[in-house]
Amino acid sequence: MQVQLDAKDSLNQLDNHMRMLMFQTIRELLFNVVKHAGTSQAKITLEQNDQRAHITISDAGRGFDVTTVMNDSKIAHGLLVIQDRLSLMGCSMDITSEPGKGTQVIIQAPVNASSS
C-alpha cells in the first residue's frame, strides 16, 4: 500500500493516550482501505485548528453508501467500534463516501495544550 502523508501541523500536543488511539484508528482505517476500497493508495492529512487535531484518511477507491453501511451493525462493526472508542475520548469521526467516488474519514480530537 502506498500512503501519502501531508502533515500540515505538528500534533505533538496530543497526550500519549490520544496518540495511541490515533495510531490504532489510522491503522484500522488503512486496513479497511486495503480490504474494501479496491485501491492500494491512501492519503493522510494532519492539521490542527481551534484546539482540535484534524486527521483525514482518504482514498479514491470503491466508496460505499454511508447511511446503508452504518445502519447495519454486521457490516459496519469495525467502523462502529472505532467510532465508540473515539467518542469515549472526546473525539468525533465523520465519514463521507459515495459508490465509485472513494471515501474520506475525518477524525477530530481535542488537543491538550499542556502536553508536549
PDB file of N, CA and C in Angstrom:
ATOM      1  N   MET A   1       0.835  -1.179   0.000  1.00  0.00           N
ATOM      2  CA  MET A   1       0.000   0.000   0.000  1.00  0.00           C
ATOM      3  C   MET A   1       0.878   1.239   0.000  1.00  0.00           C
ATOM      4  N   GLN A   2       0.497   2.209  -0.779  1.00  0.00           N
ATOM      5  CA  GLN A   2       1.206   3.479  -0.843  1.00  0.00           C
ATOM      6  C   GLN A   2       0.363   4.526  -0.110  1.00  0.00           C
ATOM      7  N   VAL A   3       0.980   5.160   0.909  1.00  0.00           N
ATOM      8  CA  VAL A   3       0.279   6.152   1.708  1.00  0.00           C
ATOM      9  C   VAL A   3       1.012   7.477   1.614  1.00  0.00           C
ATOM     10  N   GLN A   4       0.289   8.508   1.215  1.00  0.00           N
ATOM     11  CA  GLN A   4       0.843   9.861   1.168  1.00  0.00           C
ATOM     12  C   GLN A   4       0.493  10.542   2.482  1.00  0.00           C
ATOM     13  N   LEU A   5       1.486  11.104   3.148  1.00  0.00           N
ATOM     14  CA  LEU A   5       1.272  11.816   4.403  1.00  0.00           C
ATOM     15  C   LEU A   5       1.482  13.293   4.184  1.00  0.00           C
ATOM     16  N   ASP A   6       0.495  14.091   4.539  1.00  0.00           N
ATOM     17  CA  ASP A   6       0.571  15.547   4.437  1.00  0.00           C
ATOM     18  C   ASP A   6       0.381  16.103   5.850  1.00  0.00           C
ATOM     19  N   ALA A   7       1.495  16.357   6.530  1.00  0.00           N
ATOM     20  CA  ALA A   7       1.459  16.860   7.904  1.00  0.00           C
ATOM     21  C   ALA A   7       1.572  18.374   7.867  1.00  0.00           C
ATOM     22  N   LYS A   8       0.432  19.042   7.882  1.00  0.00           N
ATOM     23  CA  LYS A   8       0.406  20.496   7.819  1.00  0.00           C
ATOM     24  C   LYS A   8       0.773  21.117   9.155  1.00  0.00           C
ATOM     25  N   ASP A   9       0.523  20.388  10.240  1.00  0.00           N
ATOM     26  CA  ASP A   9       0.839  20.845  11.586  1.00  0.00           C
ATOM     27  C   ASP A   9       1.413  19.684  12.380  1.00  0.00           C
ATOM     28  N   SER A  10       2.138  20.025  13.434  1.00  0.00           N
ATOM     29  CA  SER A  10       2.629  19.021  14.367  1.00  0.00           C
ATOM     30  C   SER A  10       1.507  18.726  15.355  1.00  0.00           C
ATOM     31  N   LEU A  11       1.266  17.462  15.588  1.00  0.00           N
ATOM     32  CA  LEU A  11       0.235  17.080  16.549  1.00  0.00           C
ATOM     33  C   LEU A  11       0.868  16.629  17.861  1.00  0.00           C
ATOM     34  N   ASN A  12       2.023  17.175  18.186  1.00  0.00           N
ATOM     35  CA  ASN A  12       2.734  16.737  19.383  1.00  0.00           C
ATOM     36  C   ASN A  12       2.069  17.204  20.672  1.00  0.00           C
ATOM     37  N   GLN A  13       0.993  17.977  20.582  1.00  0.00           N
ATOM     38  CA  GLN A  13       0.273  18.378  21.782  1.00  0.00           C
ATOM     39  C   GLN A  13      -0.740  17.331  22.233  1.00  0.00           C
ATOM     40  N   LEU A  14      -0.890  16.267  21.471  1.00  0.00           N
ATOM     41  CA  LEU A  14      -1.770  15.178  21.888  1.00  0.00           C
ATOM     42  C   LEU A  14      -1.086  14.399  23.008  1.00  0.00           C
ATOM     43  N   ASP A  15      -1.853  14.046  24.045  1.00  0.00           N
ATOM     44  CA  ASP A  15      -1.242  13.258  25.117  1.00  0.00           C
ATOM     45  C   ASP A  15      -1.008  11.829  24.636  1.00  0.00           C
ATOM     46  N   ASN A  16      -0.276  11.056  25.408  1.00  0.00           N
ATOM     47  CA  ASN A  16       0.123   9.706  24.980  1.00  0.00           C
ATOM     48  C   ASN A  16      -1.064   8.790  24.709  1.00  0.00           C
ATOM     49  N   HIS A  17      -2.114   8.871  25.524  1.00  0.00           N
ATOM     50  CA  HIS A  17      -3.301   8.038  25.301  1.00  0.00           C
ATOM     51  C   HIS A  17      -3.961   8.395  23.971  1.00  0.00           C
ATOM     52  N   MET A  18      -4.039   9.686  23.692  1.00  0.00           N
ATOM     53  CA  MET A  18      -4.666  10.131  22.445  1.00  0.00           C
ATOM     54  C   MET A  18      -3.793   9.742  21.242  1.00  0.00           C
ATOM     55  N   ARG A  19      -2.489   9.861  21.374  1.00  0.00           N
ATOM     56  CA  ARG A  19      -1.599   9.444  20.273  1.00  0.00           C
ATOM     57  C   ARG A  19      -1.790   7.966  19.953  1.00  0.00           C
ATOM     58  N   MET A  20      -1.881   7.143  20.995  1.00  0.00           N
ATOM     59  CA  MET A  20      -2.067   5.703  20.780  1.00  0.00           C
ATOM     60  C   MET A  20      -3.411   5.438  20.111  1.00  0.00           C
ATOM     61  N   LEU A  21      -4.454   6.123  20.566  1.00  0.00           N
ATOM     62  CA  LEU A  21      -5.768   5.963  19.947  1.00  0.00           C
ATOM     63  C   LEU A  21      -5.723   6.376  18.481  1.00  0.00           C
ATOM     64  N   MET A  22      -5.066   7.489  18.172  1.00  0.00           N
ATOM     65  CA  MET A  22      -4.978   7.949  16.785  1.00  0.00           C
ATOM     66  C   MET A  22      -4.205   6.954  15.932  1.00  0.00           C
ATOM     67  N   PHE A  23      -3.094   6.430  16.470  1.00  0.00           N
ATOM     68  CA  PHE A  23      -2.309   5.433  15.740  1.00  0.00           C
ATOM     69  C   PHE A  23      -3.170   4.208  15.422  1.00  0.00           C
ATOM     70  N   GLN A  24      -3.854   3.676  16.435  1.00  0.00           N
ATOM     71  CA  GLN A  24      -4.684   2.480  16.240  1.00  0.00           C
ATOM     72  C   GLN A  24      -5.821   2.747  15.258  1.00  0.00           C
ATOM     73  N   THR A  25      -6.420   3.922  15.354  1.00  0.00           N
ATOM     74  CA  THR A  25      -7.531   4.275  14.474  1.00  0.00           C
ATOM     75  C   THR A  25      -7.075   4.408  13.023  1.00  0.00           C
ATOM     76  N   ILE A  26      -5.989   5.120  12.813  1.00  0.00           N
ATOM     77  CA  ILE A  26      -5.465   5.283  11.450  1.00  0.00           C
ATOM     78  C   ILE A  26      -5.076   3.930  10.872  1.00  0.00           C
ATOM     79  N   ARG A  27      -4.416   3.107  11.676  1.00  0.00           N
ATOM     80  CA  ARG A  27      -4.019   1.765  11.212  1.00  0.00           C
ATOM     81  C   ARG A  27      -5.247   0.963  10.785  1.00  0.00           C
ATOM     82  N   GLU A  28      -6.291   0.964  11.605  1.00  0.00           N
ATOM     83  CA  GLU A  28      -7.502   0.208  11.284  1.00  0.00           C
ATOM     84  C   GLU A  28      -8.178   0.757  10.023  1.00  0.00           C
ATOM     85  N   LEU A  29      -8.214   2.065   9.881  1.00  0.00           N
ATOM     86  CA  LEU A  29      -8.830   2.648   8.682  1.00  0.00           C
ATOM     87  C   LEU A  29      -8.024   2.327   7.425  1.00  0.00           C
ATOM     88  N   LEU A  30      -6.696   2.272   7.541  1.00  0.00           N
ATOM     89  CA  LEU A  30      -5.874   1.873   6.389  1.00  0.00           C
ATOM     90  C   LEU A  30      -6.093   0.396   6.047  1.00  0.00           C
ATOM     91  N   PHE A  31      -6.267  -0.443   7.066  1.00  0.00           N
ATOM     92  CA  PHE A  31      -6.621  -1.846   6.804  1.00  0.00           C
ATOM     93  C   PHE A  31      -7.945  -1.919   6.043  1.00  0.00           C
ATOM     94  N   ASN A  32      -8.898  -1.060   6.411  1.00  0.00           N
ATOM     95  CA  ASN A  32     -10.181  -1.040   5.704  1.00  0.00           C
ATOM     96  C   ASN A  32     -10.007  -0.653   4.245  1.00  0.00           C
ATOM     97  N   VAL A  33      -9.101   0.277   3.973  1.00  0.00           N
ATOM     98  CA  VAL A  33      -8.825   0.647   2.574  1.00  0.00           C
ATOM     99  C   VAL A  33      -8.338  -0.588   1.814  1.00  0.00           C
ATOM    100  N   VAL A  34      -7.384  -1.294   2.394  1.00  0.00           N
ATOM    101  CA  VAL A  34      -6.833  -2.486   1.740  1.00  0.00           C
ATOM    102  C   VAL A  34      -7.915  -3.538   1.519  1.00  0.00           C
ATOM    103  N   LYS A  35      -8.742  -3.775   2.537  1.00  0.00           N
ATOM    104  CA  LYS A  35      -9.737  -4.848   2.476  1.00  0.00           C
ATOM    105  C   LYS A  35     -10.947  -4.513   1.613  1.00  0.00           C
ATOM    106  N   HIS A  36     -11.363  -3.250   1.586  1.00  0.00           N
ATOM    107  CA  HIS A  36     -12.664  -2.935   0.998  1.00  0.00           C
ATOM    108  C   HIS A  36     -12.649  -1.941  -0.162  1.00  0.00           C
ATOM    109  N   ALA A  37     -11.649  -1.092  -0.265  1.00  0.00           N
ATOM    110  CA  ALA A  37     -11.717   0.018  -1.219  1.00  0.00           C
ATOM    111  C   ALA A  37     -11.318  -0.347  -2.638  1.00  0.00           C
ATOM    112  N   GLY A  38     -10.577  -1.434  -2.805  1.00  0.00           N
ATOM    113  CA  GLY A  38     -10.155  -1.796  -4.152  1.00  0.00           C
ATOM    114  C   GLY A  38      -9.085  -0.882  -4.703  1.00  0.00           C
ATOM    115  N   THR A  39      -8.292  -0.289  -3.816  1.00  0.00           N
ATOM    116  CA  THR A  39      -7.192   0.567  -4.230  1.00  0.00           C
ATOM    117  C   THR A  39      -6.007   0.307  -3.299  1.00  0.00           C
ATOM    118  N   SER A  40      -4.833   0.630  -3.766  1.00  0.00           N
ATOM    119  CA  SER A  40      -3.640   0.444  -2.940  1.00  0.00           C
ATOM    120  C   SER A  40      -3.028   1.791  -2.561  1.00  0.00           C
ATOM    121  N   GLN A  41      -3.824   2.850  -2.660  1.00  0.00           N
ATOM    122  CA  GLN A  41      -3.326   4.182  -2.333  1.00  0.00           C
ATOM    123  C   GLN A  41      -4.277   4.880  -1.365  1.00  0.00           C
ATOM    124  N   ALA A  42      -3.676   5.608  -0.430  1.00  0.00           N
ATOM    125  CA  ALA A  42      -4.460   6.387   0.527  1.00  0.00           C
ATOM    126  C   ALA A  42      -3.674   7.639   0.871  1.00  0.00           C
ATOM    127  N   LYS A  43      -4.371   8.607   1.447  1.00  0.00           N
ATOM    128  CA  LYS A  43      -3.734   9.846   1.861  1.00  0.00           C
ATOM    129  C   LYS A  43      -4.154  10.150   3.294  1.00  0.00           C
ATOM    130  N   ILE A  44      -3.192  10.583   4.092  1.00  0.00           N
ATOM    131  CA  ILE A  44      -3.460  11.014   5.462  1.00  0.00           C
ATOM    132  C   ILE A  44      -3.038  12.469   5.571  1.00  0.00           C
ATOM    133  N   THR A  45      -3.934  13.298   6.076  1.00  0.00           N
ATOM    134  CA  THR A  45      -3.637  14.709   6.305  1.00  0.00           C
ATOM    135  C   THR A  45      -3.785  14.990   7.794  1.00  0.00           C
ATOM    136  N   LEU A  46      -2.764  15.655   8.362  1.00  0.00           N
ATOM    137  CA  LEU A  46      -2.774  16.027   9.770  1.00  0.00           C
ATOM    138  C   LEU A  46      -2.747  17.542   9.866  1.00  0.00           C
ATOM    139  N   GLU A  47      -3.664  18.113  10.631  1.00  0.00           N
ATOM    140  CA  GLU A  47      -3.657  19.555  10.863  1.00  0.00           C
ATOM    141  C   GLU A  47      -4.336  19.857  12.183  1.00  0.00           C
ATOM    142  N   GLN A  48      -4.135  21.064  12.667  1.00  0.00           N
ATOM    143  CA  GLN A  48      -4.724  21.469  13.934  1.00  0.00           C
ATOM    144  C   GLN A  48      -5.391  22.830  13.777  1.00  0.00           C
ATOM    145  N   ASN A  49      -6.632  22.924  14.254  1.00  0.00           N
ATOM    146  CA  ASN A  49      -7.393  24.175  14.222  1.00  0.00           C
ATOM    147  C   ASN A  49      -8.222  24.263  15.500  1.00  0.00           C
ATOM    148  N   ASP A  50      -8.325  25.433  16.081  1.00  0.00           N
ATOM    149  CA  ASP A  50      -9.234  25.671  17.204  1.00  0.00           C
ATOM    150  C   ASP A  50      -9.115  24.633  18.316  1.00  0.00           C
ATOM    151  N   GLN A  51      -7.899  24.349  18.744  1.00  0.00           N
ATOM    152  CA  GLN A  51      -7.649  23.398  19.828  1.00  0.00           C
ATOM    153  C   GLN A  51      -8.139  21.986  19.529  1.00  0.00           C
ATOM    154  N   ARG A  52      -8.240  21.644  18.249  1.00  0.00           N
ATOM    155  CA  ARG A  52      -8.614  20.288  17.856  1.00  0.00           C
ATOM    156  C   ARG A  52      -7.671  19.822  16.756  1.00  0.00           C
ATOM    157  N   ALA A  53      -7.270  18.576  16.859  1.00  0.00           N
ATOM    158  CA  ALA A  53      -6.498  17.949  15.799  1.00  0.00           C
ATOM    159  C   ALA A  53      -7.491  17.409  14.770  1.00  0.00           C
ATOM    160  N   HIS A  54      -7.162  17.581  13.503  1.00  0.00           N
ATOM    161  CA  HIS A  54      -7.988  17.076  12.404  1.00  0.00           C
ATOM    162  C   HIS A  54      -7.130  16.091  11.623  1.00  0.00           C
ATOM    163  N   ILE A  55      -7.584  14.864  11.554  1.00  0.00           N
ATOM    164  CA  ILE A  55      -6.863  13.821  10.833  1.00  0.00           C
ATOM    165  C   ILE A  55      -7.808  13.287   9.766  1.00  0.00           C
ATOM    166  N   THR A  56      -7.365  13.372   8.519  1.00  0.00           N
ATOM    167  CA  THR A  56      -8.192  12.926   7.403  1.00  0.00           C
ATOM    168  C   THR A  56      -7.518  11.743   6.720  1.00  0.00           C
ATOM    169  N   ILE A  57      -8.265  10.665   6.561  1.00  0.00           N
ATOM    170  CA  ILE A  57      -7.792   9.491   5.824  1.00  0.00           C
ATOM    171  C   ILE A  57      -8.707   9.377   4.609  1.00  0.00           C
ATOM    172  N   SER A  58      -8.125   9.412   3.419  1.00  0.00           N
ATOM    173  CA  SER A  58      -8.961   9.368   2.224  1.00  0.00           C
ATOM    174  C   SER A  58      -8.381   8.408   1.195  1.00  0.00           C
ATOM    175  N   ASP A  59      -9.270   7.924   0.334  1.00  0.00           N
ATOM    176  CA  ASP A  59      -8.861   7.060  -0.772  1.00  0.00           C
ATOM    177  C   ASP A  59      -9.762   7.340  -1.956  1.00  0.00           C
ATOM    178  N   ALA A  60      -9.323   6.919  -3.119  1.00  0.00           N
ATOM    179  CA  ALA A  60     -10.115   7.076  -4.339  1.00  0.00           C
ATOM    180  C   ALA A  60     -10.636   5.714  -4.793  1.00  0.00           C
ATOM    181  N   GLY A  61     -11.001   4.893  -3.835  1.00  0.00           N
ATOM    182  CA  GLY A  61     -11.451   3.534  -4.126  1.00  0.00           C
ATOM    183  C   GLY A  61     -12.929   3.438  -4.439  1.00  0.00           C
ATOM    184  N   ARG A  62     -13.487   2.255  -4.145  1.00  0.00           N
ATOM    185  CA  ARG A  62     -14.871   1.933  -4.493  1.00  0.00           C
ATOM    186  C   ARG A  62     -15.909   2.859  -3.885  1.00  0.00           C
ATOM    187  N   GLY A  63     -15.669   3.258  -2.654  1.00  0.00           N
ATOM    188  CA  GLY A  63     -16.667   4.033  -1.943  1.00  0.00           C
ATOM    189  C   GLY A  63     -17.851   3.164  -1.550  1.00  0.00           C
ATOM    190  N   PHE A  64     -18.770   3.739  -0.797  1.00  0.00           N
ATOM    191  CA  PHE A  64     -19.948   3.000  -0.343  1.00  0.00           C
ATOM    192  C   PHE A  64     -21.015   3.994   0.113  1.00  0.00           C
ATOM    193  N   ASP A  65     -22.222   3.495   0.289  1.00  0.00           N
ATOM    194  CA  ASP A  65     -23.320   4.305   0.798  1.00  0.00           C
ATOM    195  C   ASP A  65     -23.201   4.326   2.318  1.00  0.00           C
ATOM    196  N   VAL A  66     -22.814   5.452   2.887  1.00  0.00           N
ATOM    197  CA  VAL A  66     -22.522   5.565   4.318  1.00  0.00           C
ATOM    198  C   VAL A  66     -23.745   5.223   5.165  1.00  0.00           C
ATOM    199  N   THR A  67     -24.907   5.746   4.810  1.00  0.00           N
ATOM    200  CA  THR A  67     -26.114   5.506   5.602  1.00  0.00           C
ATOM    201  C   THR A  67     -26.447   4.027   5.656  1.00  0.00           C
ATOM    202  N   THR A  68     -26.426   3.366   4.519  1.00  0.00           N
ATOM    203  CA  THR A  68     -26.742   1.939   4.467  1.00  0.00           C
ATOM    204  C   THR A  68     -25.752   1.133   5.296  1.00  0.00           C
ATOM    205  N   VAL A  69     -24.473   1.391   5.125  1.00  0.00           N
ATOM    206  CA  VAL A  69     -23.449   0.622   5.839  1.00  0.00           C
ATOM    207  C   VAL A  69     -23.507   0.883   7.337  1.00  0.00           C
ATOM    208  N   MET A  70     -23.566   2.140   7.755  1.00  0.00           N
ATOM    209  CA  MET A  70     -23.518   2.468   9.182  1.00  0.00           C
ATOM    210  C   MET A  70     -24.788   2.032   9.927  1.00  0.00           C
ATOM    211  N   ASN A  71     -25.860   1.785   9.208  1.00  0.00           N
ATOM    212  CA  ASN A  71     -27.082   1.292   9.845  1.00  0.00           C
ATOM    213  C   ASN A  71     -27.154  -0.229   9.917  1.00  0.00           C
ATOM    214  N   ASP A  72     -26.122  -0.906   9.435  1.00  0.00           N
ATOM    215  CA  ASP A  72     -26.058  -2.368   9.507  1.00  0.00           C
ATOM    216  C   ASP A  72     -24.867  -2.744  10.383  1.00  0.00           C
ATOM    217  N   SER A  73     -25.132  -3.087  11.634  1.00  0.00           N
ATOM    218  CA  SER A  73     -24.051  -3.327  12.597  1.00  0.00           C
ATOM    219  C   SER A  73     -23.151  -4.498  12.211  1.00  0.00           C
ATOM    220  N   LYS A  74     -23.642  -5.430  11.418  1.00  0.00           N
ATOM    221  CA  LYS A  74     -22.784  -6.535  10.976  1.00  0.00           C
ATOM    222  C   LYS A  74     -21.753  -6.051   9.962  1.00  0.00           C
ATOM    223  N   ILE A  75     -22.186  -5.213   9.045  1.00  0.00           N
ATOM    224  CA  ILE A  75     -21.281  -4.700   8.013  1.00  0.00           C
ATOM    225  C   ILE A  75     -20.348  -3.645   8.607  1.00  0.00           C
ATOM    226  N   ALA A  76     -20.875  -2.771   9.432  1.00  0.00           N
ATOM    227  CA  ALA A  76     -20.112  -1.620   9.930  1.00  0.00           C
ATOM    228  C   ALA A  76     -19.457  -1.874  11.283  1.00  0.00           C
ATOM    229  N   HIS A  77     -19.398  -3.119  11.709  1.00  0.00           N
ATOM    230  CA  HIS A  77     -18.899  -3.423  13.056  1.00  0.00           C
ATOM    231  C   HIS A  77     -17.584  -2.711  13.377  1.00  0.00           C
ATOM    232  N   GLY A  78     -16.592  -2.837  12.508  1.00  0.00           N
ATOM    233  CA  GLY A  78     -15.290  -2.210  12.749  1.00  0.00           C
ATOM    234  C   GLY A  78     -15.371  -0.698  12.838  1.00  0.00           C
ATOM    235  N   LEU A  79     -16.124  -0.091  11.939  1.00  0.00           N
ATOM    236  CA  LEU A  79     -16.284   1.368  11.963  1.00  0.00           C
ATOM    237  C   LEU A  79     -17.026   1.824  13.217  1.00  0.00           C
ATOM    238  N   LEU A  80     -18.014   1.052  13.641  1.00  0.00           N
ATOM    239  CA  LEU A  80     -18.762   1.409  14.841  1.00  0.00           C
ATOM    240  C   LEU A  80     -17.900   1.292  16.096  1.00  0.00           C
ATOM    241  N   VAL A  81     -17.039   0.283  16.144  1.00  0.00           N
ATOM    242  CA  VAL A  81     -16.113   0.136  17.277  1.00  0.00           C
ATOM    243  C   VAL A  81     -15.156   1.331  17.314  1.00  0.00           C
ATOM    244  N   ILE A  82     -14.621   1.697  16.155  1.00  0.00           N
ATOM    245  CA  ILE A  82     -13.733   2.866  16.078  1.00  0.00           C
ATOM    246  C   ILE A  82     -14.478   4.105  16.557  1.00  0.00           C
ATOM    247  N   GLN A  83     -15.684   4.304  16.079  1.00  0.00           N
ATOM    248  CA  GLN A  83     -16.486   5.471  16.444  1.00  0.00           C
ATOM    249  C   GLN A  83     -16.732   5.512  17.958  1.00  0.00           C
ATOM    250  N   ASP A  84     -17.033   4.372  18.550  1.00  0.00           N
ATOM    251  CA  ASP A  84     -17.265   4.310  20.000  1.00  0.00           C
ATOM    252  C   ASP A  84     -16.001   4.645  20.778  1.00  0.00           C
ATOM    253  N   ARG A  85     -14.865   4.074  20.370  1.00  0.00           N
ATOM    254  CA  ARG A  85     -13.590   4.361  21.047  1.00  0.00           C
ATOM    255  C   ARG A  85     -13.260   5.843  20.984  1.00  0.00           C
ATOM    256  N   LEU A  86     -13.435   6.420  19.812  1.00  0.00           N
ATOM    257  CA  LEU A  86     -13.144   7.843  19.644  1.00  0.00           C
ATOM    258  C   LEU A  86     -14.064   8.691  20.522  1.00  0.00           C
ATOM    259  N   SER A  87     -15.321   8.349  20.541  1.00  0.00           N
ATOM    260  CA  SER A  87     -16.298   9.102  21.321  1.00  0.00           C
ATOM    261  C   SER A  87     -15.948   9.087  22.818  1.00  0.00           C
ATOM    262  N   LEU A  88     -15.491   7.953  23.322  1.00  0.00           N
ATOM    263  CA  LEU A  88     -15.114   7.844  24.736  1.00  0.00           C
ATOM    264  C   LEU A  88     -13.977   8.792  25.105  1.00  0.00           C
ATOM    265  N   MET A  89     -13.161   9.172  24.127  1.00  0.00           N
ATOM    266  CA  MET A  89     -12.023  10.063  24.373  1.00  0.00           C
ATOM    267  C   MET A  89     -12.310  11.501  23.931  1.00  0.00           C
ATOM    268  N   GLY A  90     -13.580  11.804  23.660  1.00  0.00           N
ATOM    269  CA  GLY A  90     -13.951  13.175  23.289  1.00  0.00           C
ATOM    270  C   GLY A  90     -13.679  13.514  21.837  1.00  0.00           C
ATOM    271  N   CYS A  91     -13.539  12.499  21.015  1.00  0.00           N
ATOM    272  CA  CYS A  91     -13.242  12.688  19.589  1.00  0.00           C
ATOM    273  C   CYS A  91     -14.507  12.457  18.763  1.00  0.00           C
ATOM    274  N   SER A  92     -14.436  12.860  17.504  1.00  0.00           N
ATOM    275  CA  SER A  92     -15.536  12.597  16.580  1.00  0.00           C
ATOM    276  C   SER A  92     -14.977  12.023  15.283  1.00  0.00           C
ATOM    277  N   MET A  93     -15.849  11.331  14.555  1.00  0.00           N
ATOM    278  CA  MET A  93     -15.469  10.754  13.271  1.00  0.00           C
ATOM    279  C   MET A  93     -16.594  11.018  12.283  1.00  0.00           C
ATOM    280  N   ASP A  94     -16.245  11.573  11.139  1.00  0.00           N
ATOM    281  CA  ASP A  94     -17.214  11.858  10.094  1.00  0.00           C
ATOM    282  C   ASP A  94     -16.781  11.120   8.830  1.00  0.00           C
ATOM    283  N   ILE A  95     -17.684  10.355   8.255  1.00  0.00           N
ATOM    284  CA  ILE A  95     -17.373   9.576   7.051  1.00  0.00           C
ATOM    285  C   ILE A  95     -18.157  10.141   5.877  1.00  0.00           C
ATOM    286  N   THR A  96     -17.436  10.419   4.788  1.00  0.00           N
ATOM    287  CA  THR A  96     -18.053  10.849   3.543  1.00  0.00           C
ATOM    288  C   THR A  96     -17.642   9.852   2.471  1.00  0.00           C
ATOM    289  N   SER A  97     -18.610   9.300   1.773  1.00  0.00           N
ATOM    290  CA  SER A  97     -18.306   8.320   0.731  1.00  0.00           C
ATOM    291  C   SER A  97     -19.485   8.209  -0.219  1.00  0.00           C
ATOM    292  N   GLU A  98     -19.178   7.830  -1.430  1.00  0.00           N
ATOM    293  CA  GLU A  98     -20.193   7.530  -2.431  1.00  0.00           C
ATOM    294  C   GLU A  98     -19.678   6.379  -3.269  1.00  0.00           C
ATOM    295  N   PRO A  99     -20.560   5.463  -3.664  1.00  0.00           N
ATOM    296  CA  PRO A  99     -20.112   4.383  -4.535  1.00  0.00           C
ATOM    297  C   PRO A  99     -19.401   4.927  -5.772  1.00  0.00           C
ATOM    298  N   GLY A 100     -18.216   4.414  -6.033  1.00  0.00           N
ATOM    299  CA  GLY A 100     -17.428   4.826  -7.190  1.00  0.00           C
ATOM    300  C   GLY A 100     -16.632   6.101  -7.003  1.00  0.00           C
ATOM    301  N   LYS A 101     -16.741   6.746  -5.832  1.00  0.00           N
ATOM    302  CA  LYS A 101     -16.083   8.038  -5.646  1.00  0.00           C
ATOM    303  C   LYS A 101     -15.154   8.087  -4.440  1.00  0.00           C
ATOM    304  N   GLY A 102     -14.824   6.953  -3.875  1.00  0.00           N
ATOM    305  CA  GLY A 102     -13.878   6.939  -2.774  1.00  0.00           C
ATOM    306  C   GLY A 102     -14.497   7.276  -1.430  1.00  0.00           C
ATOM    307  N   THR A 103     -13.620   7.350  -0.424  1.00  0.00           N
ATOM    308  CA  THR A 103     -14.050   7.561   0.953  1.00  0.00           C
ATOM    309  C   THR A 103     -13.124   8.546   1.635  1.00  0.00           C
ATOM    310  N   GLN A 104     -13.712   9.347   2.507  1.00  0.00           N
ATOM    311  CA  GLN A 104     -12.939  10.274   3.328  1.00  0.00           C
ATOM    312  C   GLN A 104     -13.452  10.152   4.761  1.00  0.00           C
ATOM    313  N   VAL A 105     -12.515   9.914   5.693  1.00  0.00           N
ATOM    314  CA  VAL A 105     -12.849   9.844   7.111  1.00  0.00           C
ATOM    315  C   VAL A 105     -12.102  10.978   7.800  1.00  0.00           C
ATOM    316  N   ILE A 106     -12.852  11.824   8.509  1.00  0.00           N
ATOM    317  CA  ILE A 106     -12.247  12.930   9.248  1.00  0.00           C
ATOM    318  C   ILE A 106     -12.431  12.674  10.733  1.00  0.00           C
ATOM    319  N   ILE A 107     -11.318  12.655  11.432  1.00  0.00           N
ATOM    320  CA  ILE A 107     -11.317  12.475  12.876  1.00  0.00           C
ATOM    321  C   ILE A 107     -10.925  13.799  13.504  1.00  0.00           C
ATOM    322  N   GLN A 108     -11.673  14.203  14.511  1.00  0.00           N
ATOM    323  CA  GLN A 108     -11.324  15.402  15.264  1.00  0.00           C
ATOM    324  C   GLN A 108     -11.064  14.978  16.708  1.00  0.00           C
ATOM    325  N   ALA A 109      -9.928  15.427  17.238  1.00  0.00           N
ATOM    326  CA  ALA A 109      -9.528  15.054  18.593  1.00  0.00           C
ATOM    327  C   ALA A 109      -9.159  16.309  19.371  1.00  0.00           C
ATOM    328  N   PRO A 110      -9.532  16.354  20.646  1.00  0.00           N
ATOM    329  CA  PRO A 110      -9.138  17.514  21.467  1.00  0.00           C
ATOM    330  C   PRO A 110      -7.623  17.532  21.687  1.00  0.00           C
ATOM    331  N   VAL A 111      -7.072  18.740  21.694  1.00  0.00           N
ATOM    332  CA  VAL A 111      -5.640  18.915  21.899  1.00  0.00           C
ATOM    333  C   VAL A 111      -5.422  19.367  23.341  1.00  0.00           C
ATOM    334  N   ASN A 112      -4.508  18.724  23.994  1.00  0.00           N
ATOM    335  CA  ASN A 112      -4.141  19.077  25.371  1.00  0.00           C
ATOM    336  C   ASN A 112      -2.999  20.077  25.297  1.00  0.00           C
ATOM    337  N   ALA A 113      -3.272  21.347  25.502  1.00  0.00           N
ATOM    338  CA  ALA A 113      -2.270  22.401  25.347  1.00  0.00           C
ATOM    339  C   ALA A 113      -1.128  22.279  26.341  1.00  0.00           C
ATOM    340  N   SER A 114      -1.314  21.536  27.435  1.00  0.00           N
ATOM    341  CA  SER A 114      -0.239  21.431  28.427  1.00  0.00           C
ATOM    342  C   SER A 114       0.715  20.284  28.141  1.00  0.00           C
ATOM    343  N   SER A 115       0.416  19.440  27.150  1.00  0.00           N
ATOM    344  CA  SER A 115       1.316  18.325  26.808  1.00  0.00           C
ATOM    345  C   SER A 115       2.359  18.765  25.830  1.00  0.00           C
ATOM    346  N   SER A 116       3.454  18.004  25.771  1.00  0.00           N
ATOM    347  CA  SER A 116       4.476  18.292  24.762  1.00  0.00           C
ATOM    348  C   SER A 116       5.110  17.035  24.266  1.00  0.00           C
TER     349      SER A 116
END
